[in-house]
Protein backbone atom coordinates (compact mmCIF):
# COMPACT_ATOMS: atom_id res chain seq x y z
CA MET A 1 59.32 296.15 3.03
CA SER A 2 60.45 296.29 -0.58
CA GLU A 3 57.91 297.71 -3.05
CA LYS A 4 59.06 295.13 -5.56
CA PRO A 5 57.82 291.53 -5.38
CA ILE A 6 60.36 289.40 -3.51
CA VAL A 7 61.77 286.11 -4.74
CA ALA A 8 63.57 284.06 -2.07
CA LEU A 9 66.22 281.45 -2.78
CA LEU A 10 66.71 279.07 0.13
CA TYR A 11 69.86 276.95 0.28
CA ASP A 12 71.17 274.05 2.22
CA PHE A 13 74.95 274.51 2.52
CA ASP A 14 77.00 271.32 2.96
CA LYS A 15 77.28 269.48 -0.38
CA THR A 16 74.90 272.05 -1.86
CA LEU A 17 77.09 275.16 -2.02
CA CYS A 18 80.33 273.56 -0.77
CA THR A 19 81.85 270.21 -1.62
CA THR A 20 81.58 268.37 1.73
CA ASP A 21 80.64 268.91 5.39
CA MET A 22 81.99 272.32 6.39
CA GLU A 23 83.66 270.97 9.54
CA ASP A 24 85.79 268.62 7.43
CA TYR A 25 87.98 271.30 5.83
CA THR A 26 89.77 272.80 8.85
CA PHE A 27 88.00 272.19 12.14
CA ILE A 28 88.26 268.39 12.29
CA PRO A 29 91.86 268.21 10.98
CA GLY A 30 92.72 270.78 13.66
CA LEU A 31 91.69 268.18 16.26
CA GLY A 32 94.09 265.68 14.77
CA LEU A 33 91.19 263.53 13.55
CA THR A 34 89.91 262.45 10.17
CA PRO A 35 86.31 263.31 9.29
CA ARG A 36 85.40 259.62 9.57
CA GLU A 37 86.86 259.44 13.10
CA PHE A 38 85.18 262.62 14.30
CA TRP A 39 81.75 261.77 12.94
CA ALA A 40 81.98 258.24 14.37
CA ILE A 41 82.70 259.70 17.82
CA ALA A 42 79.84 262.21 17.55
CA ASN A 43 77.34 259.69 16.17
CA ASP A 44 78.21 257.04 18.75
CA PHE A 45 77.88 259.60 21.54
CA GLY A 46 74.46 260.62 20.23
CA ARG A 47 73.18 257.04 19.98
CA GLU A 48 74.48 256.07 23.42
CA ASN A 49 72.73 259.03 25.01
CA ARG A 50 69.61 259.00 22.81
CA MET A 51 70.50 262.53 21.82
CA ASP A 52 69.59 264.70 18.85
CA GLY A 53 72.36 264.10 16.33
CA LEU A 54 73.16 267.78 15.84
CA LEU A 55 73.31 268.51 19.56
CA ALA A 56 75.60 265.48 19.86
CA TYR A 57 78.04 266.79 17.27
CA MET A 58 78.02 270.28 18.79
CA TYR A 59 78.76 268.84 22.23
CA THR A 60 81.49 266.68 20.71
CA MET A 61 83.06 269.81 19.22
CA ILE A 62 83.15 271.43 22.66
CA TRP A 63 84.70 268.54 24.58
CA GLN A 64 87.13 267.59 21.83
CA CYS A 65 88.43 271.16 21.78
CA ARG A 66 88.76 271.15 25.56
CA GLU A 67 90.74 267.90 25.45
CA LYS A 68 93.04 269.22 22.73
CA GLY A 69 93.50 272.64 24.35
CA ILE A 70 91.89 274.52 21.48
CA PRO A 71 89.81 277.58 22.51
CA LEU A 72 86.48 277.10 20.74
CA THR A 73 85.64 280.74 20.09
CA ARG A 74 83.47 282.40 17.47
CA ASP A 75 86.56 283.85 15.79
CA TYR A 76 88.16 280.40 15.57
CA LEU A 77 85.11 278.95 13.83
CA VAL A 78 84.84 281.92 11.47
CA ARG A 79 88.48 281.36 10.50
CA CYS A 80 87.64 277.71 9.81
CA GLY A 81 85.21 279.00 7.19
CA HIS A 82 88.01 280.56 5.17
CA ALA A 83 89.06 277.16 3.81
CA VAL A 84 85.62 276.00 2.71
CA GLU A 85 85.68 274.98 -0.95
CA LEU A 86 82.70 276.16 -2.97
CA PHE A 87 81.30 274.52 -6.08
CA PRO A 88 82.15 276.10 -9.46
CA GLY A 89 80.37 279.39 -10.00
CA VAL A 90 78.99 279.78 -6.46
CA ALA A 91 81.06 282.89 -5.69
CA GLU A 92 79.61 284.71 -8.74
CA TRP A 93 76.13 283.16 -8.58
CA PHE A 94 74.56 285.73 -6.29
CA ALA A 95 75.50 288.75 -8.41
CA HIS A 96 74.15 287.05 -11.55
CA ILE A 97 70.84 286.11 -9.91
CA ASN A 98 70.41 289.51 -8.28
CA ALA A 99 71.02 291.25 -11.61
CA LEU A 100 68.46 289.02 -13.30
CA GLY A 101 65.90 289.85 -10.63
CA GLU A 102 66.60 293.55 -11.01
CA SER A 103 66.08 293.33 -14.77
CA LEU A 104 62.72 291.63 -14.18
CA GLY A 105 61.52 294.07 -11.53
CA VAL A 106 61.77 291.70 -8.56
CA ALA A 107 63.99 291.80 -5.48
CA VAL A 108 65.94 288.57 -4.92
CA GLU A 109 66.87 287.51 -1.39
CA HIS A 110 69.10 284.60 -0.38
CA TYR A 111 68.80 282.51 2.80
CA VAL A 112 70.68 279.55 4.27
CA LEU A 113 68.87 276.71 6.06
CA SER A 114 71.66 274.40 7.20
CA SER A 115 72.50 271.84 9.85
CA GLY A 116 76.08 273.08 9.66
CA LEU A 117 77.48 275.92 11.74
CA LYS A 118 76.51 279.55 11.24
CA GLU A 119 79.91 280.76 12.40
CA ILE A 120 81.75 278.71 9.77
CA ILE A 121 79.35 279.83 7.04
CA GLU A 122 79.95 283.46 8.02
CA GLY A 123 83.66 282.88 7.44
CA THR A 124 83.27 281.58 3.90
CA ALA A 125 83.77 283.69 0.79
CA ILE A 126 79.98 284.04 0.47
CA GLY A 127 79.10 284.59 4.14
CA ASP A 128 77.87 288.12 3.46
CA ARG A 129 75.60 287.21 0.54
CA PHE A 130 72.64 286.07 2.65
CA ARG A 131 69.86 288.05 4.27
CA GLU A 132 69.74 285.46 7.05
CA ILE A 133 71.77 282.36 7.89
CA TYR A 134 69.70 279.81 9.80
CA ALA A 135 72.15 277.17 10.99
CA CYS A 136 73.40 275.57 14.19
CA GLU A 137 75.05 278.16 16.40
CA PHE A 138 76.80 278.31 19.77
CA PHE A 139 76.21 280.58 22.76
CA TYR A 140 79.52 281.91 24.09
CA ASP A 141 80.33 282.52 27.76
CA ALA A 142 82.01 285.57 29.30
CA ALA A 143 85.41 284.19 28.27
CA GLY A 144 84.23 283.92 24.66
CA LEU A 145 84.18 280.12 24.66
CA ALA A 146 81.37 278.02 23.17
CA ALA A 147 79.26 276.93 26.12
CA TRP A 148 75.84 275.87 24.87
CA PRO A 149 73.91 275.34 21.61
CA LYS A 150 72.14 278.58 20.77
CA LEU A 151 70.29 277.14 17.79
CA ASP A 152 69.84 273.62 16.42
CA VAL A 153 68.61 273.41 12.82
CA ASN A 154 67.81 269.77 12.16
CA PHE A 155 66.29 268.20 9.07
CA THR A 156 62.65 268.57 10.10
CA ASN A 157 62.69 271.86 11.99
CA LYS A 158 64.21 273.53 8.92
CA THR A 159 60.62 274.02 7.82
CA GLN A 160 59.93 276.56 10.59
CA PHE A 161 62.46 278.86 8.94
CA VAL A 162 60.59 278.61 5.65
CA TYR A 163 57.55 279.94 7.53
CA ARG A 164 59.68 282.70 9.05
CA ILE A 165 60.78 283.82 5.61
CA ASN A 166 57.21 283.58 4.34
CA LYS A 167 55.90 285.84 7.11
CA GLY A 168 58.94 288.09 7.42
CA VAL A 169 59.45 287.08 11.07
CA LEU A 170 63.20 286.55 10.76
CA ASN A 171 64.23 286.89 14.42
CA VAL A 172 64.32 283.36 15.91
CA ALA A 173 63.38 284.75 19.33
CA GLU A 174 60.00 285.93 18.00
CA ASP A 175 57.81 282.85 18.33
CA LYS A 176 54.51 284.53 19.22
CA GLN A 177 54.52 286.65 16.07
CA LEU A 178 55.52 283.63 13.96
CA ASN A 179 52.55 281.60 15.21
CA ALA A 180 50.04 284.43 14.91
CA SER A 181 47.45 284.19 12.15
CA MET A 182 48.28 286.29 9.10
CA PRO A 183 46.25 286.74 5.87
CA ASP A 184 48.00 285.26 2.84
CA ASP A 185 48.06 288.57 0.99
CA SER A 186 50.02 290.22 3.81
CA LYS A 187 52.82 287.65 3.98
CA ARG A 188 56.16 289.08 2.93
CA VAL A 189 57.35 286.30 0.61
CA PRO A 190 54.66 284.02 -0.86
CA PHE A 191 55.58 280.33 -1.00
CA THR A 192 55.01 280.58 -4.75
CA ASN A 193 58.02 282.94 -4.88
CA MET A 194 60.42 280.52 -3.19
CA ILE A 195 63.07 278.22 -4.64
CA TYR A 196 64.73 275.65 -2.36
CA ILE A 197 68.11 274.20 -3.37
CA GLY A 198 69.48 271.16 -1.53
CA ASP A 199 71.36 267.94 -2.12
CA GLY A 200 69.50 264.97 -0.66
CA LEU A 201 67.19 263.29 1.82
CA SER A 202 67.88 265.80 4.59
CA ASP A 203 66.22 268.44 2.41
CA VAL A 204 63.06 266.50 1.64
CA PRO A 205 60.86 268.20 4.31
CA CYS A 206 61.57 271.62 2.78
CA MET A 207 61.23 270.26 -0.75
CA LYS A 208 57.82 268.81 0.12
CA MET A 209 56.77 272.20 1.48
CA MET A 210 57.68 273.79 -1.82
CA GLN A 211 55.58 271.25 -3.70
CA ALA A 212 52.64 271.59 -1.31
CA TYR A 213 52.52 275.39 -1.43
CA GLY A 214 53.49 276.14 -5.03
CA GLY A 215 57.20 276.86 -4.71
CA HIS A 216 60.00 275.06 -6.54
CA SER A 217 62.71 272.65 -5.37
CA ILE A 218 66.02 271.71 -6.94
CA ALA A 219 68.53 269.05 -5.93
CA VAL A 220 72.17 269.38 -6.93
CA TYR A 221 74.61 266.49 -7.02
CA GLN A 222 78.18 265.30 -7.28
CA GLU A 223 78.85 261.88 -8.78
CA SER A 224 79.01 260.44 -5.25
CA ASN A 225 75.35 261.24 -4.55
CA ARG A 226 73.93 261.29 -8.07
CA ALA A 227 71.99 258.05 -7.67
CA GLY A 228 70.23 259.28 -4.52
CA VAL A 229 69.27 262.57 -6.16
CA GLU A 230 67.96 260.78 -9.24
CA GLU A 231 65.80 258.67 -6.93
CA LEU A 232 64.33 261.86 -5.43
CA LEU A 233 63.33 262.99 -8.92
CA ARG A 234 61.98 259.56 -9.80
CA ARG A 235 59.77 259.58 -6.72
CA GLY A 236 58.52 263.09 -7.38
CA ARG A 237 60.11 264.53 -4.25
CA VAL A 238 61.98 267.27 -6.12
CA ASP A 239 61.18 269.30 -9.25
CA PHE A 240 64.60 269.40 -10.92
CA ILE A 241 68.08 267.93 -10.50
CA PHE A 242 71.39 269.30 -11.81
CA PRO A 243 75.13 268.86 -11.31
CA ALA A 244 76.43 271.21 -8.60
CA ASP A 245 77.67 273.74 -11.15
CA TYR A 246 76.53 277.30 -10.57
CA ARG A 247 78.39 278.93 -13.44
CA ALA A 248 76.69 281.39 -15.79
CA GLY A 249 75.25 279.65 -18.82
CA GLY A 250 74.95 276.31 -17.04
CA GLU A 251 71.78 274.27 -16.74
CA LEU A 252 71.18 275.24 -13.12
CA MET A 253 71.51 278.95 -13.84
CA GLN A 254 69.22 278.71 -16.86
CA THR A 255 66.47 276.86 -15.00
CA VAL A 256 66.57 279.12 -11.94
CA GLY A 257 66.43 282.07 -14.32
CA ASN A 258 63.35 280.64 -16.03
CA ILE A 259 61.65 280.04 -12.67
CA ILE A 260 62.31 283.63 -11.60
CA ARG A 261 60.96 284.89 -14.94
CA LYS A 262 57.78 282.89 -14.38
CA MET A 263 57.45 284.29 -10.86
CA ALA A 264 57.97 287.84 -12.13
CA ILE A 265 55.25 287.42 -14.76
CA ALA A 266 52.83 285.96 -12.19
CA ASP A 267 53.50 288.86 -9.82
CA ALA A 268 52.99 291.39 -12.61
CA LEU A 269 49.63 289.84 -13.55
CA THR A 270 48.55 289.82 -9.90
CA ALA A 271 49.48 293.49 -9.55
CA GLU A 272 47.60 294.34 -12.75
CA ASN A 273 44.49 292.57 -11.49
CA ALA A 274 44.72 294.36 -8.14
CA ALA A 275 45.05 297.71 -9.90
CA GLN A 276 41.95 297.06 -12.00
CA MET A 277 39.96 295.95 -8.96
CA LYS A 278 41.00 299.11 -7.14
CA ALA A 279 40.02 301.24 -10.14
CA ILE A 280 36.48 299.92 -10.28
CA GLY A 281 36.19 300.13 -6.50
CA HIS A 282 32.97 298.81 -5.04
CA ARG A 283 30.79 299.87 -7.93
CA GLU A 284 28.06 297.28 -8.41
CA VAL A 285 27.64 295.90 -11.94
CA PRO A 286 24.23 294.38 -12.83
CA PHE A 287 25.99 291.36 -14.33
CA GLN A 288 23.00 289.03 -14.67
CA GLN A 289 20.76 291.71 -16.22
CA SER A 290 23.38 292.74 -18.77
CA LEU A 291 23.52 289.20 -20.15
CA PHE A 292 19.98 289.46 -21.50
CA GLU A 293 19.77 293.10 -22.57
């Protein structure tokens, strides 16, 4: 565990860090379909079978690739990530934020909580910037072909990964440790040291967690979803909204910097209080008597 206080930035991915759904750039065109056609097939399949929407789209990916003779391997999906288009400033964002944290005496960690595909995210220009990527993921058979959903990260179960980050139980196979009781002062990343960045309604459960437990939430927007994001702010479901521009000197960078500064100050005051309490130990002070002497 780092000796420095930890600040965690949690990101959605599609339309938060990149401009559209990550499958739309390369994977879907490779099937000879438009995004509208593919998502209509996947959504109709899910409704007809009363199926979780994300499991439906993952299954649709498998059978569409089989029909088109495309081997759906991990390497193929990682290569699909190479074409993902990031918002302005995203590629440099992580170095700027990490340097700010270092200057303030805190360690900054970055996490993805996405309903997109982990393999595609790993193939993007920023795939190596995250401590953990929690996203939908395939299990691959002996031939290396996608055979089964390994992980499904839908809109509501995203919140379990916030708890994982809070407790430091990052391995998704460790459920017993995640559910075990843990004193607040022993949790690795306090909720108050978390910032969640998303783009819309699918992020509301995590944004509400931030508000409930003292973290911060930010929604970013393009013109196409600006009205919906403004409604989130109007209804008090998010703390701040900004255009999806991550460049140095921009509004988003400035506000995230101010939040991290506030967190660093709060952590420093907490550490100072703890040091003073340790210094006085368990010495009893006759407080009531001293008031009248």
